[in-house]
Amino acid sequence: MNQSDKKSLGVVGRLNQGIGVIGQVGLVFMVASITYDVIMRYIFVAPTHWALEVNTFLLAFLCVIPAGDVLRVGSQIRITFFYDRLRPAVKARLDILRAAAGLFFCSIMIWKGWDMAWKAWLHNDRMSTSLGTPMVIPYLFLPMGFLLLALQYLSNMASTLRKSPTVPAAQPPSAKQPEVEQQI
């Protein structure tokens, strides 16, 4: 990535890019720990007590935390059959509408996720496993991930508004250009 790409990325883009790298590292760890657990379980007949719980939480982490980075690079699943056939001005309006709908959904998920995490914290909810992981940890993934996604939606909306094509205003009838007669 060259210097101009880094500059155009912005704070939110760089934050989500870093979180995306953390998600990639988490995925690599998940593959390694599942492989280790399978080897321990089926070859040495000594399964781990932590792998299932840790990987369950990693899966929850990977579902929400890197979502902002996925949106940033445009890797989400999209159906663009009609969208690709629209004029740039209509595309810009749809992009703004899509970002507004995304922000609305993210705000609900942040609110309800925070409420769920707060209640788990107050009641000291824990997993009933040997690790006894506090449930506030995986519950915090929801508001954190959707906050990062909301920030990326805001960044996308601001970018669309900055570079949105302007629709030429219609001229009033009194401002008609004089007709020029073509001479042969």
N, C-alpha and C. Protein backbone atom coordinates (compact mmCIF):
# COMPACT_ATOMS: atom_id res chain seq x y z
N MET A 1 0.86 -1.17 0.00
CA MET A 1 0.00 0.00 0.00
C MET A 1 0.90 1.23 0.00
N ASN A 2 0.70 2.13 -0.97
CA ASN A 2 1.55 3.31 -1.03
C ASN A 2 1.02 4.41 -0.11
N GLN A 3 1.76 5.50 -0.03
CA GLN A 3 1.43 6.58 0.92
C GLN A 3 0.10 7.23 0.63
N SER A 4 -0.25 7.41 -0.64
CA SER A 4 -1.54 8.05 -0.97
C SER A 4 -2.72 7.15 -0.58
N ASP A 5 -2.54 5.82 -0.71
CA ASP A 5 -3.59 4.90 -0.28
C ASP A 5 -3.79 4.97 1.23
N LYS A 6 -2.70 5.06 1.98
CA LYS A 6 -2.79 5.16 3.44
C LYS A 6 -3.47 6.45 3.85
N LYS A 7 -3.16 7.54 3.12
CA LYS A 7 -3.75 8.83 3.46
C LYS A 7 -5.25 8.83 3.18
N SER A 8 -5.66 8.21 2.07
CA SER A 8 -7.07 8.20 1.72
C SER A 8 -7.87 7.22 2.57
N LEU A 9 -7.18 6.32 3.27
CA LEU A 9 -7.86 5.32 4.09
C LEU A 9 -8.58 5.96 5.26
N GLY A 10 -8.00 6.97 5.88
CA GLY A 10 -8.63 7.64 7.01
C GLY A 10 -8.46 6.86 8.30
N VAL A 11 -8.83 7.49 9.39
CA VAL A 11 -8.67 6.89 10.71
C VAL A 11 -9.54 5.65 10.84
N VAL A 12 -10.80 5.75 10.43
CA VAL A 12 -11.72 4.61 10.55
C VAL A 12 -11.25 3.46 9.67
N GLY A 13 -10.80 3.76 8.48
CA GLY A 13 -10.30 2.72 7.58
C GLY A 13 -9.08 2.02 8.13
N ARG A 14 -8.14 2.80 8.70
CA ARG A 14 -6.95 2.19 9.29
C ARG A 14 -7.31 1.35 10.52
N LEU A 15 -8.26 1.84 11.33
CA LEU A 15 -8.71 1.08 12.50
C LEU A 15 -9.32 -0.24 12.06
N ASN A 16 -10.22 -0.20 11.10
CA ASN A 16 -10.86 -1.43 10.63
C ASN A 16 -9.88 -2.34 9.91
N GLN A 17 -8.89 -1.77 9.26
CA GLN A 17 -7.87 -2.59 8.62
C GLN A 17 -7.06 -3.34 9.68
N GLY A 18 -6.71 -2.66 10.76
CA GLY A 18 -5.99 -3.32 11.86
C GLY A 18 -6.83 -4.40 12.51
N ILE A 19 -8.11 -4.12 12.71
CA ILE A 19 -9.01 -5.12 13.28
C ILE A 19 -9.15 -6.31 12.33
N GLY A 20 -9.13 -6.05 11.04
CA GLY A 20 -9.18 -7.13 10.05
C GLY A 20 -7.97 -8.04 10.16
N VAL A 21 -6.80 -7.47 10.41
CA VAL A 21 -5.59 -8.27 10.61
C VAL A 21 -5.72 -9.11 11.88
N ILE A 22 -6.27 -8.52 12.94
CA ILE A 22 -6.49 -9.28 14.17
C ILE A 22 -7.45 -10.45 13.90
N GLY A 23 -8.47 -10.21 13.09
CA GLY A 23 -9.39 -11.28 12.70
C GLY A 23 -8.68 -12.39 11.93
N GLN A 24 -7.74 -12.03 11.06
CA GLN A 24 -6.99 -13.03 10.32
C GLN A 24 -6.11 -13.86 11.25
N VAL A 25 -5.49 -13.20 12.22
CA VAL A 25 -4.67 -13.92 13.19
C VAL A 25 -5.55 -14.85 14.02
N GLY A 26 -6.75 -14.37 14.40
CA GLY A 26 -7.68 -15.21 15.15
C GLY A 26 -8.09 -16.44 14.37
N LEU A 27 -8.30 -16.27 13.06
CA LEU A 27 -8.66 -17.41 12.21
C LEU A 27 -7.53 -18.43 12.13
N VAL A 28 -6.30 -17.95 12.01
CA VAL A 28 -5.15 -18.85 11.98
C VAL A 28 -5.04 -19.60 13.31
N PHE A 29 -5.23 -18.89 14.43
CA PHE A 29 -5.19 -19.55 15.73
C PHE A 29 -6.29 -20.59 15.85
N MET A 30 -7.46 -20.27 15.32
CA MET A 30 -8.59 -21.20 15.38
C MET A 30 -8.27 -22.48 14.62
N VAL A 31 -7.71 -22.35 13.44
CA VAL A 31 -7.33 -23.53 12.64
C VAL A 31 -6.30 -24.36 13.39
N ALA A 32 -5.29 -23.68 13.96
CA ALA A 32 -4.23 -24.40 14.67
C ALA A 32 -4.76 -25.10 15.92
N SER A 33 -5.63 -24.44 16.69
CA SER A 33 -6.12 -25.05 17.91
C SER A 33 -7.09 -26.20 17.63
N ILE A 34 -7.89 -26.08 16.58
CA ILE A 34 -8.78 -27.19 16.23
C ILE A 34 -7.97 -28.39 15.74
N THR A 35 -6.95 -28.12 14.94
CA THR A 35 -6.07 -29.20 14.48
C THR A 35 -5.39 -29.88 15.68
N TYR A 36 -4.89 -29.07 16.61
CA TYR A 36 -4.26 -29.61 17.82
C TYR A 36 -5.25 -30.47 18.61
N ASP A 37 -6.48 -29.99 18.77
CA ASP A 37 -7.48 -30.73 19.52
C ASP A 37 -7.83 -32.04 18.83
N VAL A 38 -7.94 -32.04 17.51
CA VAL A 38 -8.25 -33.27 16.78
C VAL A 38 -7.12 -34.28 16.95
N ILE A 39 -5.88 -33.82 16.84
CA ILE A 39 -4.74 -34.72 17.03
C ILE A 39 -4.72 -35.29 18.44
N MET A 40 -4.92 -34.42 19.44
CA MET A 40 -4.92 -34.88 20.83
C MET A 40 -6.08 -35.85 21.09
N ARG A 41 -7.23 -35.58 20.51
CA ARG A 41 -8.42 -36.40 20.78
C ARG A 41 -8.33 -37.77 20.11
N TYR A 42 -7.95 -37.82 18.83
CA TYR A 42 -8.04 -39.07 18.09
C TYR A 42 -6.74 -39.85 18.00
N ILE A 43 -5.62 -39.20 18.19
CA ILE A 43 -4.35 -39.94 18.14
C ILE A 43 -3.88 -40.29 19.54
N PHE A 44 -3.89 -39.30 20.45
CA PHE A 44 -3.39 -39.53 21.82
C PHE A 44 -4.50 -39.82 22.83
N VAL A 45 -5.76 -39.79 22.40
CA VAL A 45 -6.93 -40.04 23.25
C VAL A 45 -6.86 -39.20 24.53
N ALA A 46 -6.48 -37.94 24.35
CA ALA A 46 -6.40 -36.99 25.48
C ALA A 46 -6.92 -35.63 24.98
N PRO A 47 -8.25 -35.50 24.85
CA PRO A 47 -8.79 -34.25 24.31
C PRO A 47 -8.51 -33.06 25.22
N THR A 48 -8.45 -31.89 24.61
CA THR A 48 -8.25 -30.66 25.39
C THR A 48 -9.56 -30.28 26.06
N HIS A 49 -9.45 -29.54 27.14
CA HIS A 49 -10.65 -29.08 27.84
C HIS A 49 -11.02 -27.65 27.45
N TRP A 50 -10.17 -27.02 26.70
CA TRP A 50 -10.37 -25.60 26.41
C TRP A 50 -10.70 -25.31 24.96
N ALA A 51 -10.37 -26.20 24.05
CA ALA A 51 -10.44 -25.89 22.61
C ALA A 51 -11.86 -25.57 22.15
N LEU A 52 -12.83 -26.34 22.57
CA LEU A 52 -14.20 -26.10 22.11
C LEU A 52 -14.71 -24.75 22.57
N GLU A 53 -14.50 -24.43 23.84
CA GLU A 53 -14.98 -23.15 24.37
C GLU A 53 -14.27 -21.97 23.72
N VAL A 54 -12.96 -22.04 23.62
CA VAL A 54 -12.19 -20.95 23.03
C VAL A 54 -12.58 -20.74 21.57
N ASN A 55 -12.75 -21.82 20.83
CA ASN A 55 -13.09 -21.69 19.41
C ASN A 55 -14.53 -21.25 19.21
N THR A 56 -15.41 -21.57 20.14
CA THR A 56 -16.78 -21.05 20.07
C THR A 56 -16.76 -19.54 20.20
N PHE A 57 -15.97 -19.03 21.14
CA PHE A 57 -15.87 -17.58 21.31
C PHE A 57 -15.13 -16.93 20.15
N LEU A 58 -14.12 -17.61 19.62
CA LEU A 58 -13.42 -17.08 18.45
C LEU A 58 -14.35 -16.98 17.24
N LEU A 59 -15.24 -17.95 17.10
CA LEU A 59 -16.20 -17.90 16.00
C LEU A 59 -17.12 -16.69 16.15
N ALA A 60 -17.58 -16.45 17.38
CA ALA A 60 -18.41 -15.26 17.62
C ALA A 60 -17.61 -13.99 17.32
N PHE A 61 -16.34 -13.98 17.72
CA PHE A 61 -15.45 -12.85 17.45
C PHE A 61 -15.33 -12.61 15.95
N LEU A 62 -15.06 -13.68 15.21
CA LEU A 62 -14.84 -13.56 13.77
C LEU A 62 -16.10 -13.20 13.00
N CYS A 63 -17.26 -13.42 13.58
CA CYS A 63 -18.51 -13.07 12.90
C CYS A 63 -18.81 -11.59 12.97
N VAL A 64 -18.37 -10.90 14.02
CA VAL A 64 -18.76 -9.49 14.16
C VAL A 64 -17.61 -8.50 14.16
N ILE A 65 -16.48 -8.83 14.74
CA ILE A 65 -15.41 -7.84 14.88
C ILE A 65 -14.84 -7.39 13.54
N PRO A 66 -14.48 -8.27 12.61
CA PRO A 66 -13.92 -7.80 11.34
C PRO A 66 -14.95 -7.32 10.31
N ALA A 67 -16.21 -7.21 10.68
CA ALA A 67 -17.25 -6.83 9.72
C ALA A 67 -16.99 -5.44 9.11
N GLY A 68 -16.45 -4.53 9.90
CA GLY A 68 -16.13 -3.20 9.38
C GLY A 68 -15.07 -3.26 8.29
N ASP A 69 -14.08 -4.13 8.48
CA ASP A 69 -13.03 -4.27 7.46
C ASP A 69 -13.60 -4.92 6.21
N VAL A 70 -14.49 -5.87 6.38
CA VAL A 70 -15.14 -6.51 5.22
C VAL A 70 -15.92 -5.46 4.42
N LEU A 71 -16.64 -4.59 5.11
CA LEU A 71 -17.37 -3.52 4.43
C LEU A 71 -16.40 -2.53 3.78
N ARG A 72 -15.30 -2.24 4.44
CA ARG A 72 -14.32 -1.28 3.92
C ARG A 72 -13.77 -1.72 2.57
N VAL A 73 -13.43 -3.00 2.44
CA VAL A 73 -12.86 -3.48 1.19
C VAL A 73 -13.91 -3.96 0.19
N GLY A 74 -15.19 -3.97 0.61
CA GLY A 74 -16.27 -4.37 -0.30
C GLY A 74 -16.34 -5.86 -0.53
N SER A 75 -15.95 -6.66 0.46
CA SER A 75 -15.96 -8.12 0.31
C SER A 75 -17.25 -8.77 0.77
N GLN A 76 -18.22 -7.98 1.17
CA GLN A 76 -19.49 -8.56 1.60
C GLN A 76 -20.24 -9.08 0.38
N ILE A 77 -21.20 -9.94 0.64
CA ILE A 77 -22.00 -10.50 -0.44
C ILE A 77 -22.95 -9.41 -0.94
N ARG A 78 -22.90 -9.16 -2.23
CA ARG A 78 -23.76 -8.14 -2.83
C ARG A 78 -24.36 -8.68 -4.12
N ILE A 79 -25.57 -8.28 -4.39
CA ILE A 79 -26.20 -8.58 -5.68
C ILE A 79 -26.34 -7.25 -6.39
N THR A 80 -25.58 -7.07 -7.45
CA THR A 80 -25.49 -5.76 -8.10
C THR A 80 -26.08 -5.74 -9.51
N PHE A 81 -26.95 -6.67 -9.81
CA PHE A 81 -27.51 -6.75 -11.16
C PHE A 81 -28.16 -5.43 -11.57
N PHE A 82 -29.05 -4.90 -10.73
CA PHE A 82 -29.73 -3.65 -11.06
C PHE A 82 -28.85 -2.44 -10.74
N TYR A 83 -28.12 -2.51 -9.65
CA TYR A 83 -27.29 -1.39 -9.21
C TYR A 83 -26.28 -0.98 -10.27
N ASP A 84 -25.67 -1.94 -10.94
CA ASP A 84 -24.66 -1.64 -11.96
C ASP A 84 -25.24 -0.92 -13.17
N ARG A 85 -26.53 -0.97 -13.36
CA ARG A 85 -27.17 -0.35 -14.53
C ARG A 85 -27.70 1.05 -14.24
N LEU A 86 -27.50 1.53 -13.02
CA LEU A 86 -28.03 2.84 -12.64
C LEU A 86 -27.04 3.96 -12.96
N ARG A 87 -27.57 5.18 -13.04
CA ARG A 87 -26.73 6.35 -13.25
C ARG A 87 -25.93 6.62 -11.98
N PRO A 88 -24.78 7.27 -12.08
CA PRO A 88 -23.95 7.55 -10.90
C PRO A 88 -24.68 8.33 -9.81
N ALA A 89 -25.54 9.27 -10.18
CA ALA A 89 -26.25 10.06 -9.16
C ALA A 89 -27.22 9.18 -8.37
N VAL A 90 -27.88 8.25 -9.05
CA VAL A 90 -28.81 7.34 -8.37
C VAL A 90 -28.02 6.36 -7.49
N LYS A 91 -26.88 5.89 -8.01
CA LYS A 91 -26.02 5.01 -7.21
C LYS A 91 -25.59 5.70 -5.92
N ALA A 92 -25.22 6.96 -6.01
CA ALA A 92 -24.79 7.70 -4.82
C ALA A 92 -25.92 7.81 -3.81
N ARG A 93 -27.11 8.07 -4.29
CA ARG A 93 -28.27 8.15 -3.36
C ARG A 93 -28.55 6.81 -2.71
N LEU A 94 -28.45 5.73 -3.49
CA LEU A 94 -28.66 4.40 -2.93
C LEU A 94 -27.56 4.04 -1.92
N ASP A 95 -26.33 4.46 -2.20
CA ASP A 95 -25.23 4.21 -1.25
C ASP A 95 -25.49 4.91 0.08
N ILE A 96 -26.00 6.13 0.00
CA ILE A 96 -26.32 6.87 1.22
C ILE A 96 -27.47 6.21 1.96
N LEU A 97 -28.48 5.77 1.23
CA LEU A 97 -29.61 5.08 1.85
C LEU A 97 -29.16 3.76 2.49
N ARG A 98 -28.30 3.03 1.80
CA ARG A 98 -27.78 1.77 2.35
C ARG A 98 -26.98 2.02 3.62
N ALA A 99 -26.16 3.06 3.63
CA ALA A 99 -25.38 3.39 4.82
C ALA A 99 -26.29 3.81 5.97
N ALA A 100 -27.34 4.56 5.67
CA ALA A 100 -28.28 4.98 6.73
C ALA A 100 -29.00 3.77 7.32
N ALA A 101 -29.42 2.84 6.47
CA ALA A 101 -30.07 1.62 6.97
C ALA A 101 -29.10 0.80 7.79
N GLY A 102 -27.85 0.71 7.34
CA GLY A 102 -26.82 0.00 8.10
C GLY A 102 -26.57 0.64 9.45
N LEU A 103 -26.53 1.96 9.49
CA LEU A 103 -26.34 2.68 10.76
C LEU A 103 -27.50 2.42 11.71
N PHE A 104 -28.71 2.40 11.18
CA PHE A 104 -29.88 2.12 12.01
C PHE A 104 -29.78 0.73 12.63
N PHE A 105 -29.47 -0.27 11.81
CA PHE A 105 -29.33 -1.64 12.30
C PHE A 105 -28.19 -1.74 13.31
N CYS A 106 -27.06 -1.12 13.00
CA CYS A 106 -25.91 -1.15 13.92
C CYS A 106 -26.26 -0.51 15.26
N SER A 107 -27.01 0.58 15.24
CA SER A 107 -27.36 1.24 16.50
C SER A 107 -28.22 0.33 17.38
N ILE A 108 -29.12 -0.42 16.78
CA ILE A 108 -29.93 -1.37 17.56
C ILE A 108 -29.05 -2.48 18.12
N MET A 109 -28.14 -3.00 17.32
CA MET A 109 -27.27 -4.07 17.79
C MET A 109 -26.30 -3.60 18.87
N ILE A 110 -25.81 -2.36 18.76
CA ILE A 110 -24.94 -1.81 19.80
C ILE A 110 -25.72 -1.69 21.10
N TRP A 111 -26.91 -1.15 21.01
CA TRP A 111 -27.75 -0.94 22.20
C TRP A 111 -28.08 -2.27 22.88
N LYS A 112 -28.61 -3.23 22.12
CA LYS A 112 -29.00 -4.51 22.71
C LYS A 112 -27.79 -5.34 23.13
N GLY A 113 -26.71 -5.28 22.37
CA GLY A 113 -25.50 -6.00 22.75
C GLY A 113 -24.89 -5.45 24.03
N TRP A 114 -24.88 -4.13 24.16
CA TRP A 114 -24.37 -3.52 25.38
C TRP A 114 -25.26 -3.89 26.57
N ASP A 115 -26.57 -3.88 26.36
CA ASP A 115 -27.50 -4.26 27.43
C ASP A 115 -27.25 -5.70 27.89
N MET A 116 -27.05 -6.59 26.94
CA MET A 116 -26.80 -7.99 27.26
C MET A 116 -25.47 -8.15 28.01
N ALA A 117 -24.42 -7.45 27.56
CA ALA A 117 -23.12 -7.52 28.22
C ALA A 117 -23.19 -6.93 29.62
N TRP A 118 -23.91 -5.83 29.77
CA TRP A 118 -24.03 -5.18 31.08
C TRP A 118 -24.73 -6.10 32.08
N LYS A 119 -25.79 -6.77 31.65
CA LYS A 119 -26.51 -7.69 32.54
C LYS A 119 -25.63 -8.88 32.91
N ALA A 120 -24.84 -9.37 31.96
CA ALA A 120 -23.92 -10.48 32.26
C ALA A 120 -22.87 -10.03 33.27
N TRP A 121 -22.42 -8.79 33.16
CA TRP A 121 -21.45 -8.24 34.10
C TRP A 121 -22.06 -8.11 35.49
N LEU A 122 -23.28 -7.57 35.56
CA LEU A 122 -23.94 -7.38 36.85
C LEU A 122 -24.21 -8.70 37.57
N HIS A 123 -24.61 -9.72 36.80
CA HIS A 123 -24.96 -11.00 37.40
C HIS A 123 -23.78 -11.97 37.46
N ASN A 124 -22.62 -11.53 36.99
CA ASN A 124 -21.41 -12.36 36.96
C ASN A 124 -21.68 -13.71 36.28
N ASP A 125 -22.35 -13.66 35.12
CA ASP A 125 -22.64 -14.87 34.37
C ASP A 125 -21.34 -15.48 33.85
N ARG A 126 -21.25 -16.80 33.97
CA ARG A 126 -20.07 -17.53 33.52
C ARG A 126 -20.50 -18.79 32.77
N MET A 127 -19.59 -19.27 31.92
CA MET A 127 -19.83 -20.56 31.25
C MET A 127 -19.73 -21.66 32.30
N SER A 128 -20.53 -22.68 32.16
CA SER A 128 -20.48 -23.80 33.11
C SER A 128 -19.52 -24.86 32.60
N THR A 129 -18.29 -24.44 32.33
CA THR A 129 -17.24 -25.35 31.86
C THR A 129 -16.04 -25.24 32.79
N SER A 130 -15.01 -25.99 32.48
CA SER A 130 -13.82 -25.95 33.33
C SER A 130 -13.13 -24.59 33.29
N LEU A 131 -13.23 -23.88 32.18
CA LEU A 131 -12.63 -22.55 32.10
C LEU A 131 -13.45 -21.51 32.86
N GLY A 132 -14.76 -21.66 32.85
CA GLY A 132 -15.64 -20.72 33.54
C GLY A 132 -15.51 -19.30 33.01
N THR A 133 -15.44 -19.16 31.71
CA THR A 133 -15.26 -17.85 31.08
C THR A 133 -16.42 -16.93 31.41
N PRO A 134 -16.13 -15.69 31.84
CA PRO A 134 -17.21 -14.73 32.07
C PRO A 134 -17.92 -14.43 30.75
N MET A 135 -19.24 -14.47 30.76
CA MET A 135 -20.02 -14.28 29.53
C MET A 135 -19.98 -12.84 29.03
N VAL A 136 -19.53 -11.93 29.87
CA VAL A 136 -19.43 -10.54 29.42
C VAL A 136 -18.43 -10.43 28.27
N ILE A 137 -17.43 -11.28 28.24
CA ILE A 137 -16.40 -11.21 27.18
C ILE A 137 -17.01 -11.48 25.80
N PRO A 138 -17.66 -12.62 25.57
CA PRO A 138 -18.23 -12.80 24.23
C PRO A 138 -19.39 -11.85 23.96
N TYR A 139 -20.12 -11.45 25.00
CA TYR A 139 -21.22 -10.52 24.77
C TYR A 139 -20.72 -9.14 24.34
N LEU A 140 -19.54 -8.76 24.77
CA LEU A 140 -18.99 -7.46 24.36
C LEU A 140 -18.57 -7.45 22.90
N PHE A 141 -18.41 -8.63 22.30
CA PHE A 141 -18.07 -8.67 20.88
C PHE A 141 -19.16 -7.99 20.04
N LEU A 142 -20.42 -8.14 20.43
CA LEU A 142 -21.52 -7.55 19.65
C LEU A 142 -21.45 -6.02 19.59
N PRO A 143 -21.46 -5.32 20.73
CA PRO A 143 -21.41 -3.86 20.60
C PRO A 143 -20.10 -3.36 19.99
N MET A 144 -18.99 -4.03 20.29
CA MET A 144 -17.71 -3.59 19.72
C MET A 144 -17.69 -3.77 18.20
N GLY A 145 -18.10 -4.93 17.73
CA GLY A 145 -18.10 -5.20 16.30
C GLY A 145 -19.06 -4.31 15.53
N PHE A 146 -20.24 -4.10 16.10
CA PHE A 146 -21.22 -3.26 15.39
C PHE A 146 -20.86 -1.78 15.49
N LEU A 147 -20.12 -1.38 16.52
CA LEU A 147 -19.61 -0.01 16.57
C LEU A 147 -18.59 0.22 15.46
N LEU A 148 -17.69 -0.74 15.26
CA LEU A 148 -16.72 -0.63 14.17
C LEU A 148 -17.42 -0.63 12.81
N LEU A 149 -18.45 -1.45 12.68
CA LEU A 149 -19.21 -1.48 11.42
C LEU A 149 -19.93 -0.16 11.20
N ALA A 150 -20.52 0.40 12.27
CA ALA A 150 -21.21 1.69 12.15
C ALA A 150 -20.24 2.80 11.75
N LEU A 151 -19.04 2.78 12.33
CA LEU A 151 -18.04 3.78 11.96
C LEU A 151 -17.67 3.66 10.49
N GLN A 152 -17.59 2.43 9.99
CA GLN A 152 -17.26 2.25 8.58
C GLN A 152 -18.42 2.71 7.70
N TYR A 153 -19.66 2.47 8.13
CA TYR A 153 -20.81 2.99 7.37
C TYR A 153 -20.77 4.52 7.33
N LEU A 154 -20.45 5.14 8.47
CA LEU A 154 -20.34 6.61 8.49
C LEU A 154 -19.24 7.09 7.56
N SER A 155 -18.12 6.40 7.58
CA SER A 155 -17.01 6.76 6.69
C SER A 155 -17.41 6.61 5.23
N ASN A 156 -18.09 5.52 4.91
CA ASN A 156 -18.55 5.31 3.52
C ASN A 156 -19.55 6.39 3.11
N MET A 157 -20.45 6.75 4.04
CA MET A 157 -21.44 7.78 3.73
C MET A 157 -20.76 9.12 3.48
N ALA A 158 -19.80 9.47 4.33
CA ALA A 158 -19.08 10.73 4.15
C ALA A 158 -18.31 10.74 2.83
N SER A 159 -17.70 9.62 2.50
CA SER A 159 -16.95 9.51 1.24
C SER A 159 -17.89 9.66 0.04
N THR A 160 -19.06 9.05 0.13
CA THR A 160 -20.04 9.15 -0.96
C THR A 160 -20.52 10.58 -1.11
N LEU A 161 -20.77 11.24 0.01
CA LEU A 161 -21.24 12.63 -0.04
C LEU A 161 -20.16 13.55 -0.61
N ARG A 162 -18.89 13.28 -0.30
CA ARG A 162 -17.79 14.11 -0.80
C ARG A 162 -17.62 13.99 -2.30
N LYS A 163 -17.72 12.78 -2.83
CA LYS A 163 -17.45 12.59 -4.26
C LYS A 163 -18.69 12.32 -5.09
N SER A 164 -19.86 12.57 -4.52
CA SER A 164 -21.10 12.31 -5.23
C SER A 164 -21.22 13.25 -6.42
N PRO A 165 -21.63 12.69 -7.56
CA PRO A 165 -21.78 13.55 -8.75
C PRO A 165 -22.94 14.51 -8.55
N THR A 166 -22.73 15.72 -8.97
CA THR A 166 -23.78 16.72 -8.83
C THR A 166 -24.74 16.61 -10.00
N VAL A 167 -25.99 16.70 -9.69
CA VAL A 167 -27.01 16.67 -10.73
C VAL A 167 -27.19 18.09 -11.23
N PRO A 168 -27.02 18.33 -12.54
CA PRO A 168 -27.18 19.69 -13.04
C PRO A 168 -28.60 20.19 -12.82
N ALA A 169 -28.69 21.39 -12.33
CA ALA A 169 -30.01 21.98 -12.08
C ALA A 169 -30.66 22.35 -13.40
N ALA A 170 -31.94 22.16 -13.46
CA ALA A 170 -32.67 22.52 -14.68
C ALA A 170 -32.73 24.04 -14.79
N GLN A 171 -32.58 24.54 -16.00
CA GLN A 171 -32.61 25.99 -16.20
C GLN A 171 -34.06 26.45 -16.28
N PRO A 172 -34.36 27.60 -15.71
CA PRO A 172 -35.72 28.12 -15.82
C PRO A 172 -36.02 28.47 -17.28
N PRO A 173 -37.29 28.46 -17.64
CA PRO A 173 -37.65 28.70 -19.05
C PRO A 173 -37.18 30.05 -19.55
N SER A 174 -37.06 31.05 -18.69
CA SER A 174 -36.65 32.38 -19.14
C SER A 174 -35.16 32.44 -19.49
N ALA A 175 -34.42 31.44 -19.07
CA ALA A 175 -32.98 31.46 -19.30
C ALA A 175 -32.59 30.62 -20.50
N LYS A 176 -33.51 30.49 -21.46
CA LYS A 176 -33.21 29.69 -22.64
C LYS A 176 -32.08 30.34 -23.43
N GLN A 177 -31.25 29.47 -23.97
CA GLN A 177 -30.16 29.95 -24.81
C GLN A 177 -30.73 30.38 -26.16
N PRO A 178 -30.16 31.43 -26.75
CA PRO A 178 -30.66 31.84 -28.06
C PRO A 178 -30.38 30.75 -29.09
N GLU A 179 -31.35 30.55 -29.97
CA GLU A 179 -31.18 29.54 -30.97
C GLU A 179 -30.24 30.06 -32.05
N VAL A 180 -29.34 29.22 -32.45
CA VAL A 180 -28.38 29.58 -33.49
C VAL A 180 -28.77 28.84 -34.76
N GLU A 181 -28.89 29.60 -35.81
CA GLU A 181 -29.30 29.00 -37.07
C GLU A 181 -28.04 28.51 -37.78
N GLN A 182 -28.16 27.27 -38.27
CA GLN A 182 -27.02 26.71 -38.95
C GLN A 182 -27.01 27.18 -40.40
N GLN A 183 -25.85 27.64 -40.83
CA GLN A 183 -25.74 28.10 -42.20
C GLN A 183 -24.97 27.09 -43.00
N ILE A 184 -25.38 26.97 -44.28
CA ILE A 184 -24.73 26.00 -45.14
C ILE A 184 -23.76 26.70 -46.04
